[in-house]
N, C-alpha and C. Protein backbone atom coordinates (compact mmCIF):
# COMPACT_ATOMS: atom_id res chain seq x y z
N UNK A 1 4.38 -33.50 3.62
CA UNK A 1 3.66 -32.83 4.69
C UNK A 1 3.01 -31.56 4.14
N UNK A 2 1.75 -31.39 4.40
CA UNK A 2 1.01 -30.22 3.92
C UNK A 2 1.01 -29.16 5.01
N UNK A 3 1.36 -27.96 4.60
CA UNK A 3 1.40 -26.83 5.53
C UNK A 3 0.00 -26.24 5.69
N UNK A 4 -0.38 -25.96 6.94
CA UNK A 4 -1.68 -25.36 7.20
C UNK A 4 -1.65 -23.88 6.80
N UNK A 5 -2.65 -23.46 6.08
CA UNK A 5 -2.76 -22.07 5.65
C UNK A 5 -4.06 -21.50 6.20
N UNK A 6 -3.94 -20.35 6.85
CA UNK A 6 -5.13 -19.68 7.38
C UNK A 6 -5.91 -19.04 6.23
N UNK A 7 -7.22 -19.11 6.26
CA UNK A 7 -8.00 -18.46 5.20
C UNK A 7 -7.85 -16.94 5.28
N UNK A 8 -7.97 -16.32 4.14
CA UNK A 8 -7.87 -14.86 4.06
C UNK A 8 -9.19 -14.27 4.55
N UNK A 9 -9.10 -13.29 5.42
CA UNK A 9 -10.32 -12.63 5.87
C UNK A 9 -10.62 -11.45 4.96
N UNK A 10 -11.88 -11.25 4.69
CA UNK A 10 -12.31 -10.18 3.80
C UNK A 10 -13.37 -9.37 4.52
N UNK A 11 -13.25 -8.06 4.46
CA UNK A 11 -14.26 -7.21 5.08
C UNK A 11 -15.53 -7.23 4.23
N UNK A 12 -16.66 -7.29 4.90
CA UNK A 12 -17.92 -7.24 4.17
C UNK A 12 -18.55 -5.86 4.25
N UNK A 13 -18.14 -5.07 5.23
CA UNK A 13 -18.65 -3.70 5.36
C UNK A 13 -17.48 -2.78 5.66
N UNK A 14 -17.55 -1.58 5.13
CA UNK A 14 -16.49 -0.60 5.34
C UNK A 14 -16.96 0.43 6.35
N UNK A 15 -16.05 0.82 7.25
CA UNK A 15 -16.40 1.89 8.19
C UNK A 15 -15.82 3.21 7.68
N UNK A 16 -16.06 4.28 8.40
CA UNK A 16 -15.65 5.62 7.97
C UNK A 16 -14.14 5.72 7.81
N UNK A 17 -13.38 5.09 8.68
CA UNK A 17 -11.91 5.11 8.58
C UNK A 17 -11.46 4.43 7.30
N UNK A 18 -12.10 3.29 6.96
CA UNK A 18 -11.78 2.61 5.70
C UNK A 18 -12.03 3.54 4.52
N UNK A 19 -13.17 4.21 4.51
CA UNK A 19 -13.54 5.07 3.39
C UNK A 19 -12.59 6.26 3.25
N UNK A 20 -12.15 6.82 4.36
CA UNK A 20 -11.20 7.94 4.30
C UNK A 20 -9.88 7.46 3.72
N UNK A 21 -9.42 6.29 4.16
CA UNK A 21 -8.17 5.74 3.63
C UNK A 21 -8.27 5.42 2.15
N UNK A 22 -9.39 4.84 1.75
CA UNK A 22 -9.60 4.50 0.34
C UNK A 22 -9.65 5.77 -0.50
N UNK A 23 -10.30 6.80 0.01
CA UNK A 23 -10.38 8.07 -0.72
C UNK A 23 -8.99 8.67 -0.91
N UNK A 24 -8.13 8.57 0.09
CA UNK A 24 -6.76 9.10 -0.03
C UNK A 24 -5.96 8.31 -1.06
N UNK A 25 -6.12 7.00 -1.07
CA UNK A 25 -5.45 6.17 -2.07
C UNK A 25 -5.94 6.55 -3.46
N UNK A 26 -7.26 6.72 -3.62
CA UNK A 26 -7.83 7.11 -4.91
C UNK A 26 -7.31 8.47 -5.34
N UNK A 27 -7.23 9.40 -4.40
CA UNK A 27 -6.72 10.74 -4.70
C UNK A 27 -5.28 10.67 -5.22
N UNK A 28 -4.44 9.90 -4.54
CA UNK A 28 -3.04 9.77 -4.96
C UNK A 28 -2.93 9.09 -6.32
N UNK A 29 -3.71 8.02 -6.53
CA UNK A 29 -3.67 7.29 -7.80
C UNK A 29 -4.09 8.19 -8.96
N UNK A 30 -5.14 8.96 -8.77
CA UNK A 30 -5.60 9.87 -9.82
C UNK A 30 -4.58 10.97 -10.07
N UNK A 31 -3.92 11.43 -9.04
CA UNK A 31 -2.86 12.43 -9.21
C UNK A 31 -1.72 11.85 -10.06
N UNK A 32 -1.37 10.59 -9.82
CA UNK A 32 -0.34 9.93 -10.64
C UNK A 32 -0.77 9.87 -12.11
N UNK A 33 -2.05 9.57 -12.34
CA UNK A 33 -2.56 9.50 -13.72
C UNK A 33 -2.55 10.89 -14.35
N UNK A 34 -3.11 11.87 -13.65
CA UNK A 34 -3.22 13.22 -14.22
C UNK A 34 -1.87 13.88 -14.44
N UNK A 35 -0.88 13.54 -13.63
CA UNK A 35 0.45 14.14 -13.79
C UNK A 35 1.29 13.40 -14.83
N UNK A 36 0.82 12.24 -15.29
CA UNK A 36 1.56 11.47 -16.27
C UNK A 36 2.62 10.56 -15.66
N UNK A 37 2.68 10.47 -14.33
CA UNK A 37 3.66 9.60 -13.69
C UNK A 37 3.33 8.13 -13.88
N UNK A 38 2.05 7.81 -13.99
CA UNK A 38 1.60 6.43 -14.20
C UNK A 38 0.46 6.43 -15.20
N UNK A 39 0.34 5.30 -15.92
CA UNK A 39 -0.86 5.15 -16.75
C UNK A 39 -1.96 4.54 -15.88
N UNK A 40 -3.12 4.32 -16.47
CA UNK A 40 -4.28 3.84 -15.72
C UNK A 40 -4.00 2.49 -15.07
N UNK A 41 -3.40 1.58 -15.80
CA UNK A 41 -3.13 0.25 -15.25
C UNK A 41 -2.14 0.31 -14.10
N UNK A 42 -1.08 1.09 -14.25
CA UNK A 42 -0.09 1.21 -13.19
C UNK A 42 -0.71 1.82 -11.94
N UNK A 43 -1.50 2.87 -12.12
CA UNK A 43 -2.13 3.53 -10.98
C UNK A 43 -3.13 2.60 -10.29
N UNK A 44 -3.86 1.81 -11.07
CA UNK A 44 -4.80 0.86 -10.49
C UNK A 44 -4.06 -0.19 -9.67
N UNK A 45 -2.99 -0.73 -10.23
CA UNK A 45 -2.20 -1.73 -9.50
C UNK A 45 -1.60 -1.13 -8.23
N UNK A 46 -1.11 0.10 -8.33
CA UNK A 46 -0.54 0.77 -7.17
C UNK A 46 -1.61 0.93 -6.09
N UNK A 47 -2.80 1.37 -6.49
CA UNK A 47 -3.89 1.60 -5.54
C UNK A 47 -4.31 0.30 -4.86
N UNK A 48 -4.48 -0.76 -5.62
CA UNK A 48 -4.88 -2.05 -5.05
C UNK A 48 -3.82 -2.53 -4.05
N UNK A 49 -2.57 -2.36 -4.40
CA UNK A 49 -1.47 -2.77 -3.52
C UNK A 49 -1.52 -2.04 -2.18
N UNK A 50 -2.01 -0.81 -2.18
CA UNK A 50 -2.04 -0.01 -0.96
C UNK A 50 -3.33 -0.16 -0.15
N UNK A 51 -4.29 -0.94 -0.64
CA UNK A 51 -5.49 -1.20 0.14
C UNK A 51 -5.13 -2.10 1.32
N UNK A 52 -5.76 -1.85 2.45
CA UNK A 52 -5.55 -2.73 3.61
C UNK A 52 -6.17 -4.10 3.36
N UNK A 53 -7.22 -4.14 2.58
CA UNK A 53 -7.96 -5.36 2.28
C UNK A 53 -8.06 -5.49 0.76
N UNK A 54 -6.93 -5.82 0.06
CA UNK A 54 -6.91 -5.73 -1.40
C UNK A 54 -7.84 -6.69 -2.13
N UNK A 55 -8.31 -7.76 -1.49
CA UNK A 55 -9.16 -8.71 -2.19
C UNK A 55 -10.61 -8.60 -1.79
N UNK A 56 -10.93 -7.65 -0.92
CA UNK A 56 -12.32 -7.48 -0.51
C UNK A 56 -13.09 -6.64 -1.52
N UNK A 57 -14.17 -7.19 -2.02
CA UNK A 57 -14.93 -6.48 -3.04
C UNK A 57 -15.49 -5.14 -2.57
N UNK A 58 -15.91 -5.00 -1.30
CA UNK A 58 -16.33 -3.65 -0.89
C UNK A 58 -15.20 -2.63 -1.01
N UNK A 59 -13.98 -3.04 -0.67
CA UNK A 59 -12.84 -2.12 -0.78
C UNK A 59 -12.54 -1.78 -2.23
N UNK A 60 -12.52 -2.80 -3.08
CA UNK A 60 -12.26 -2.56 -4.51
C UNK A 60 -13.33 -1.70 -5.14
N UNK A 61 -14.58 -2.01 -4.83
CA UNK A 61 -15.69 -1.23 -5.39
C UNK A 61 -15.60 0.22 -4.96
N UNK A 62 -15.34 0.45 -3.68
CA UNK A 62 -15.23 1.83 -3.18
C UNK A 62 -14.04 2.54 -3.82
N UNK A 63 -12.92 1.85 -3.94
CA UNK A 63 -11.72 2.44 -4.55
C UNK A 63 -12.00 2.84 -6.00
N UNK A 64 -12.55 1.93 -6.78
CA UNK A 64 -12.79 2.22 -8.18
C UNK A 64 -13.83 3.32 -8.37
N UNK A 65 -14.86 3.33 -7.53
CA UNK A 65 -15.85 4.40 -7.63
C UNK A 65 -15.22 5.75 -7.33
N UNK A 66 -14.40 5.81 -6.30
CA UNK A 66 -13.75 7.07 -5.94
C UNK A 66 -12.76 7.51 -7.02
N UNK A 67 -12.06 6.56 -7.63
CA UNK A 67 -11.13 6.92 -8.70
C UNK A 67 -11.90 7.47 -9.91
N UNK A 68 -12.99 6.82 -10.28
CA UNK A 68 -13.80 7.29 -11.41
C UNK A 68 -14.36 8.69 -11.11
N UNK A 69 -14.85 8.88 -9.88
CA UNK A 69 -15.37 10.20 -9.50
C UNK A 69 -14.28 11.26 -9.59
N UNK A 70 -13.07 10.93 -9.15
CA UNK A 70 -11.97 11.90 -9.15
C UNK A 70 -11.42 12.16 -10.56
N UNK A 71 -11.67 11.26 -11.49
CA UNK A 71 -11.23 11.45 -12.87
C UNK A 71 -12.26 12.23 -13.69
N UNK A 72 -13.16 12.94 -13.04
CA UNK A 72 -14.28 13.57 -13.73
C UNK A 72 -13.87 14.53 -14.84
N UNK A 73 -12.74 15.19 -14.73
CA UNK A 73 -12.30 16.14 -15.76
C UNK A 73 -11.36 15.52 -16.78
N UNK A 74 -10.88 14.32 -16.52
CA UNK A 74 -9.96 13.64 -17.43
C UNK A 74 -10.72 12.52 -18.13
N UNK A 75 -11.48 12.91 -19.16
CA UNK A 75 -12.40 11.97 -19.80
C UNK A 75 -11.68 10.81 -20.47
N UNK A 76 -10.53 11.05 -21.08
CA UNK A 76 -9.79 9.97 -21.74
C UNK A 76 -9.34 8.92 -20.73
N UNK A 77 -8.77 9.37 -19.62
CA UNK A 77 -8.33 8.44 -18.58
C UNK A 77 -9.51 7.74 -17.94
N UNK A 78 -10.61 8.46 -17.77
CA UNK A 78 -11.82 7.86 -17.17
C UNK A 78 -12.34 6.74 -18.06
N UNK A 79 -12.41 6.98 -19.36
CA UNK A 79 -12.88 5.96 -20.30
C UNK A 79 -11.95 4.75 -20.29
N UNK A 80 -10.63 5.01 -20.30
CA UNK A 80 -9.65 3.92 -20.27
C UNK A 80 -9.76 3.13 -18.97
N UNK A 81 -9.96 3.83 -17.86
CA UNK A 81 -10.07 3.17 -16.56
C UNK A 81 -11.32 2.31 -16.49
N UNK A 82 -12.44 2.81 -16.94
CA UNK A 82 -13.68 2.04 -16.92
C UNK A 82 -13.54 0.80 -17.82
N UNK A 83 -12.93 0.95 -18.99
CA UNK A 83 -12.69 -0.20 -19.87
C UNK A 83 -11.78 -1.22 -19.19
N UNK A 84 -10.75 -0.73 -18.52
CA UNK A 84 -9.82 -1.61 -17.81
C UNK A 84 -10.54 -2.39 -16.71
N UNK A 85 -11.39 -1.72 -15.94
CA UNK A 85 -12.15 -2.38 -14.88
C UNK A 85 -13.07 -3.46 -15.46
N UNK A 86 -13.75 -3.13 -16.56
CA UNK A 86 -14.67 -4.09 -17.17
C UNK A 86 -13.95 -5.33 -17.67
N UNK A 87 -12.74 -5.17 -18.18
CA UNK A 87 -11.96 -6.32 -18.66
C UNK A 87 -11.41 -7.12 -17.50
N UNK A 88 -11.13 -6.45 -16.38
CA UNK A 88 -10.53 -7.12 -15.23
C UNK A 88 -11.56 -8.00 -14.58
């Protein structure tokens, strides 16, 4: 017997509340990186896990852009993060 599975819904557009939440997640993730509590991969995984819509490309794109913007003074982490995103 095959179990019925509902398709995953994905947001195609983000509203202001989504962007505020994503910015807070990005802020926390970058703080973890800058404080040395997590490396780039750990912080990225943590951030994705905390997204309300973790598989929606608008959410991921907004999250990664905000994380890169917030890493503006940490050039080593920024370079590592961008390389990680490109490989992912």
